[in-house]
Amino acid sequence: MAELGVSSETLAEKTGIPWGSLRNAIAGRDPLRLPRIYDLGRLLARDGEPAREVVADIVGDNNGGLPDPPPDQTKPKPKPERRKEPAEKGPRRPVRGAA
């Protein structure tokens, strides 16, 4: 994007990718699906450059390896277990109007 002087808003408009999704993908918070990556590759490819090379640059890191795995997600706390035996009953209330 920087080499071509294209903003993320322009890329979002031309590819149909929502700007928030594109912004999150650029920041590494949320991955894009492969068809959208190819849309970006076609748009960012220079004259005569195959889109698959741009896609490889998007998907791979600068060393030619695979992209970093996503960060570990925190697991929710387990819910406390329910009581298995019934709770003790307290004293009974007197019934009104009964003699």
N, C-alpha and C. Protein backbone atom coordinates (compact mmCIF):
# COMPACT_ATOMS: atom_id res chain seq x y z
N MET A 1 0.82 -1.19 0.00
CA MET A 1 0.00 0.00 0.00
C MET A 1 0.87 1.25 0.00
N ALA A 2 1.91 1.24 0.84
CA ALA A 2 2.75 2.42 0.94
C ALA A 2 3.51 2.68 -0.36
N GLU A 3 3.99 1.62 -1.00
CA GLU A 3 4.73 1.79 -2.25
C GLU A 3 3.87 2.38 -3.35
N LEU A 4 2.60 2.01 -3.36
CA LEU A 4 1.69 2.50 -4.40
C LEU A 4 0.96 3.78 -3.98
N GLY A 5 1.10 4.16 -2.72
CA GLY A 5 0.44 5.37 -2.24
C GLY A 5 -1.08 5.20 -2.15
N VAL A 6 -1.52 4.00 -1.80
CA VAL A 6 -2.96 3.71 -1.71
C VAL A 6 -3.34 3.63 -0.24
N SER A 7 -4.43 4.29 0.11
CA SER A 7 -4.88 4.26 1.51
C SER A 7 -5.76 3.03 1.75
N SER A 8 -5.95 2.68 3.01
CA SER A 8 -6.79 1.53 3.33
C SER A 8 -8.25 1.82 2.97
N GLU A 9 -8.67 3.08 3.07
CA GLU A 9 -10.03 3.43 2.68
C GLU A 9 -10.26 3.20 1.19
N THR A 10 -9.28 3.56 0.38
CA THR A 10 -9.37 3.36 -1.07
C THR A 10 -9.41 1.87 -1.40
N LEU A 11 -8.55 1.10 -0.74
CA LEU A 11 -8.55 -0.35 -0.96
C LEU A 11 -9.90 -0.96 -0.59
N ALA A 12 -10.45 -0.51 0.52
CA ALA A 12 -11.74 -1.03 0.97
C ALA A 12 -12.83 -0.73 -0.06
N GLU A 13 -12.82 0.47 -0.59
CA GLU A 13 -13.83 0.85 -1.60
C GLU A 13 -13.69 0.02 -2.86
N LYS A 14 -12.46 -0.13 -3.36
CA LYS A 14 -12.25 -0.79 -4.64
C LYS A 14 -12.41 -2.31 -4.57
N THR A 15 -12.18 -2.91 -3.40
CA THR A 15 -12.29 -4.36 -3.28
C THR A 15 -13.63 -4.81 -2.70
N GLY A 16 -14.36 -3.89 -2.07
CA GLY A 16 -15.62 -4.27 -1.45
C GLY A 16 -15.46 -4.86 -0.06
N ILE A 17 -14.24 -4.82 0.46
CA ILE A 17 -13.98 -5.31 1.82
C ILE A 17 -14.35 -4.18 2.79
N PRO A 18 -15.13 -4.47 3.82
CA PRO A 18 -15.44 -3.41 4.79
C PRO A 18 -14.14 -2.84 5.38
N TRP A 19 -14.12 -1.52 5.56
CA TRP A 19 -12.90 -0.86 6.01
C TRP A 19 -12.46 -1.38 7.37
N GLY A 20 -13.38 -1.65 8.28
CA GLY A 20 -13.02 -2.16 9.60
C GLY A 20 -12.35 -3.52 9.51
N SER A 21 -12.85 -4.38 8.63
CA SER A 21 -12.24 -5.70 8.44
C SER A 21 -10.84 -5.58 7.87
N LEU A 22 -10.68 -4.68 6.91
CA LEU A 22 -9.36 -4.47 6.31
C LEU A 22 -8.39 -3.89 7.33
N ARG A 23 -8.85 -2.93 8.11
CA ARG A 23 -8.01 -2.33 9.15
C ARG A 23 -7.57 -3.39 10.17
N ASN A 24 -8.49 -4.25 10.59
CA ASN A 24 -8.14 -5.31 11.55
C ASN A 24 -7.16 -6.31 10.95
N ALA A 25 -7.31 -6.60 9.66
CA ALA A 25 -6.39 -7.53 9.00
C ALA A 25 -4.99 -6.93 8.90
N ILE A 26 -4.92 -5.66 8.59
CA ILE A 26 -3.61 -4.99 8.47
C ILE A 26 -2.92 -4.97 9.83
N ALA A 27 -3.69 -4.77 10.89
CA ALA A 27 -3.13 -4.73 12.24
C ALA A 27 -2.83 -6.11 12.79
N GLY A 28 -3.26 -7.17 12.08
CA GLY A 28 -2.99 -8.53 12.54
C GLY A 28 -3.98 -9.05 13.56
N ARG A 29 -5.11 -8.37 13.71
CA ARG A 29 -6.10 -8.80 14.70
C ARG A 29 -7.10 -9.79 14.14
N ASP A 30 -7.33 -9.77 12.84
CA ASP A 30 -8.37 -10.61 12.25
C ASP A 30 -7.95 -10.99 10.83
N PRO A 31 -7.85 -12.28 10.52
CA PRO A 31 -7.40 -12.67 9.18
C PRO A 31 -8.48 -12.47 8.14
N LEU A 32 -8.03 -12.27 6.91
CA LEU A 32 -8.95 -12.19 5.77
C LEU A 32 -9.02 -13.56 5.12
N ARG A 33 -10.14 -13.84 4.49
CA ARG A 33 -10.27 -15.10 3.74
C ARG A 33 -9.55 -14.96 2.41
N LEU A 34 -9.17 -16.10 1.85
CA LEU A 34 -8.35 -16.13 0.65
C LEU A 34 -8.95 -15.38 -0.54
N PRO A 35 -10.27 -15.48 -0.81
CA PRO A 35 -10.79 -14.71 -1.95
C PRO A 35 -10.59 -13.20 -1.79
N ARG A 36 -10.71 -12.70 -0.58
CA ARG A 36 -10.48 -11.26 -0.36
C ARG A 36 -9.01 -10.91 -0.50
N ILE A 37 -8.14 -11.82 -0.10
CA ILE A 37 -6.70 -11.58 -0.27
C ILE A 37 -6.36 -11.50 -1.75
N TYR A 38 -6.98 -12.36 -2.56
CA TYR A 38 -6.74 -12.31 -4.01
C TYR A 38 -7.29 -11.01 -4.60
N ASP A 39 -8.42 -10.52 -4.09
CA ASP A 39 -8.93 -9.22 -4.55
C ASP A 39 -7.91 -8.13 -4.28
N LEU A 40 -7.32 -8.17 -3.08
CA LEU A 40 -6.27 -7.19 -2.75
C LEU A 40 -5.06 -7.36 -3.66
N GLY A 41 -4.67 -8.62 -3.91
CA GLY A 41 -3.51 -8.90 -4.76
C GLY A 41 -3.69 -8.37 -6.17
N ARG A 42 -4.90 -8.55 -6.72
CA ARG A 42 -5.17 -8.04 -8.07
C ARG A 42 -5.09 -6.52 -8.11
N LEU A 43 -5.57 -5.89 -7.05
CA LEU A 43 -5.57 -4.43 -7.03
C LEU A 43 -4.17 -3.85 -6.80
N LEU A 44 -3.38 -4.53 -5.97
CA LEU A 44 -2.04 -4.01 -5.63
C LEU A 44 -0.94 -4.45 -6.60
N ALA A 45 -1.24 -5.38 -7.52
CA ALA A 45 -0.22 -5.86 -8.46
C ALA A 45 0.17 -4.74 -9.41
N ARG A 46 1.47 -4.61 -9.61
CA ARG A 46 1.97 -3.62 -10.58
C ARG A 46 1.77 -4.16 -11.98
N ASP A 47 1.94 -3.34 -12.97
CA ASP A 47 1.78 -3.77 -14.37
C ASP A 47 2.69 -4.95 -14.67
N GLY A 48 2.10 -6.03 -15.16
CA GLY A 48 2.87 -7.21 -15.53
C GLY A 48 3.19 -8.14 -14.37
N GLU A 49 2.92 -7.74 -13.16
CA GLU A 49 3.22 -8.59 -12.00
C GLU A 49 2.02 -9.50 -11.73
N PRO A 50 2.25 -10.80 -11.58
CA PRO A 50 1.13 -11.69 -11.30
C PRO A 50 0.56 -11.42 -9.90
N ALA A 51 -0.76 -11.50 -9.80
CA ALA A 51 -1.42 -11.24 -8.52
C ALA A 51 -1.00 -12.26 -7.47
N ARG A 52 -0.65 -13.49 -7.91
CA ARG A 52 -0.28 -14.51 -6.92
C ARG A 52 1.00 -14.14 -6.18
N GLU A 53 1.91 -13.38 -6.80
CA GLU A 53 3.12 -12.94 -6.10
C GLU A 53 2.78 -11.93 -5.01
N VAL A 54 1.83 -11.06 -5.29
CA VAL A 54 1.39 -10.09 -4.29
C VAL A 54 0.68 -10.82 -3.16
N VAL A 55 -0.13 -11.83 -3.52
CA VAL A 55 -0.82 -12.62 -2.50
C VAL A 55 0.19 -13.33 -1.62
N ALA A 56 1.26 -13.87 -2.22
CA ALA A 56 2.30 -14.54 -1.44
C ALA A 56 2.97 -13.56 -0.48
N ASP A 57 3.15 -12.31 -0.91
CA ASP A 57 3.72 -11.30 -0.03
C ASP A 57 2.76 -10.96 1.10
N ILE A 58 1.46 -10.95 0.81
CA ILE A 58 0.47 -10.63 1.84
C ILE A 58 0.40 -11.76 2.87
N VAL A 59 0.38 -13.00 2.39
CA VAL A 59 0.20 -14.14 3.28
C VAL A 59 1.48 -14.50 4.01
N GLY A 60 2.63 -14.43 3.35
CA GLY A 60 3.89 -14.80 3.96
C GLY A 60 4.54 -13.65 4.68
N ASP A 61 5.58 -13.95 5.46
CA ASP A 61 6.33 -12.88 6.11
C ASP A 61 7.50 -12.46 5.23
N ASN A 62 8.30 -11.54 5.68
CA ASN A 62 9.40 -11.02 4.86
C ASN A 62 10.50 -12.04 4.62
N ASN A 63 10.54 -13.11 5.44
CA ASN A 63 11.57 -14.13 5.27
C ASN A 63 11.11 -15.27 4.36
N GLY A 64 9.95 -15.15 3.76
CA GLY A 64 9.45 -16.19 2.88
C GLY A 64 8.77 -17.33 3.61
N GLY A 65 8.60 -17.21 4.91
CA GLY A 65 7.97 -18.27 5.69
C GLY A 65 6.48 -18.07 5.82
N LEU A 66 5.90 -18.86 6.67
CA LEU A 66 4.47 -18.77 6.90
C LEU A 66 4.16 -17.61 7.83
N PRO A 67 2.92 -17.10 7.78
CA PRO A 67 2.56 -16.02 8.69
C PRO A 67 2.54 -16.50 10.13
N ASP A 68 2.67 -15.55 11.05
CA ASP A 68 2.65 -15.89 12.47
C ASP A 68 1.29 -16.46 12.85
N PRO A 69 1.27 -17.40 13.80
CA PRO A 69 -0.01 -17.92 14.25
C PRO A 69 -0.76 -16.85 15.02
N PRO A 70 -2.09 -16.97 15.10
CA PRO A 70 -2.85 -15.97 15.85
C PRO A 70 -2.52 -16.06 17.34
N PRO A 71 -2.70 -14.98 18.08
CA PRO A 71 -2.39 -15.01 19.51
C PRO A 71 -3.34 -15.95 20.24
N ASP A 72 -2.85 -16.50 21.36
CA ASP A 72 -3.70 -17.38 22.16
C ASP A 72 -4.88 -16.59 22.71
N GLN A 73 -6.03 -17.21 22.66
CA GLN A 73 -7.23 -16.58 23.18
C GLN A 73 -7.38 -16.96 24.65
N THR A 74 -7.81 -16.03 25.46
CA THR A 74 -8.05 -16.35 26.86
C THR A 74 -9.32 -17.18 26.95
N LYS A 75 -9.29 -18.18 27.82
CA LYS A 75 -10.45 -19.06 27.97
C LYS A 75 -11.35 -18.49 29.05
N PRO A 76 -12.67 -18.60 28.85
CA PRO A 76 -13.58 -18.09 29.87
C PRO A 76 -13.49 -18.92 31.14
N LYS A 77 -13.78 -18.28 32.27
CA LYS A 77 -13.76 -18.98 33.55
C LYS A 77 -14.88 -20.02 33.57
N PRO A 78 -14.62 -21.19 34.14
CA PRO A 78 -15.69 -22.18 34.20
C PRO A 78 -16.77 -21.74 35.18
N LYS A 79 -18.01 -22.12 34.90
CA LYS A 79 -19.11 -21.78 35.78
C LYS A 79 -19.04 -22.66 37.03
N PRO A 80 -19.43 -22.11 38.17
CA PRO A 80 -19.40 -22.93 39.38
C PRO A 80 -20.41 -24.08 39.27
N GLU A 81 -20.06 -25.19 39.90
CA GLU A 81 -20.96 -26.34 39.85
C GLU A 81 -22.20 -26.09 40.70
N ARG A 82 -23.31 -26.67 40.28
CA ARG A 82 -24.54 -26.56 41.03
C ARG A 82 -24.53 -27.55 42.19
N ARG A 83 -25.33 -27.22 43.18
CA ARG A 83 -25.44 -28.15 44.31
C ARG A 83 -26.10 -29.43 43.85
N LYS A 84 -25.61 -30.52 44.37
CA LYS A 84 -26.18 -31.80 43.98
C LYS A 84 -27.25 -32.24 44.97
N GLU A 85 -27.12 -31.87 46.25
CA GLU A 85 -28.15 -32.23 47.22
C GLU A 85 -29.04 -31.03 47.47
N PRO A 86 -30.30 -31.25 47.78
CA PRO A 86 -31.20 -30.12 48.00
C PRO A 86 -30.80 -29.33 49.25
N ALA A 87 -31.05 -28.05 49.20
CA ALA A 87 -30.72 -27.19 50.34
C ALA A 87 -31.68 -27.49 51.49
N GLU A 88 -31.20 -27.25 52.70
CA GLU A 88 -32.07 -27.47 53.87
C GLU A 88 -33.17 -26.44 53.87
N LYS A 89 -34.37 -26.88 54.32
CA LYS A 89 -35.49 -25.97 54.39
C LYS A 89 -35.51 -25.32 55.78
N GLY A 90 -35.91 -24.08 55.82
CA GLY A 90 -36.01 -23.36 57.08
C GLY A 90 -37.34 -23.64 57.76
N PRO A 91 -37.62 -22.95 58.84
CA PRO A 91 -38.90 -23.16 59.55
C PRO A 91 -40.08 -22.75 58.66
N ARG A 92 -41.17 -23.42 58.82
CA ARG A 92 -42.37 -23.13 58.02
C ARG A 92 -43.07 -21.92 58.59
N ARG A 93 -43.62 -21.14 57.72
CA ARG A 93 -44.39 -19.96 58.13
C ARG A 93 -45.82 -20.39 58.48
N PRO A 94 -46.40 -19.75 59.44
CA PRO A 94 -47.79 -20.10 59.73
C PRO A 94 -48.69 -19.61 58.62
N VAL A 95 -49.74 -20.35 58.34
CA VAL A 95 -50.69 -20.00 57.30
C VAL A 95 -51.67 -19.00 57.88
N ARG A 96 -51.90 -17.89 57.21
CA ARG A 96 -52.82 -16.87 57.70
C ARG A 96 -54.27 -17.36 57.59
N GLY A 97 -55.04 -16.97 58.53
CA GLY A 97 -56.45 -17.31 58.50
C GLY A 97 -56.74 -18.71 58.99
N ALA A 98 -55.73 -19.50 59.25
CA ALA A 98 -55.97 -20.85 59.76
C ALA A 98 -56.05 -20.77 61.29
N ALA A 99 -56.94 -21.53 61.86
CA ALA A 99 -57.09 -21.47 63.32
C ALA A 99 -56.43 -22.62 63.99
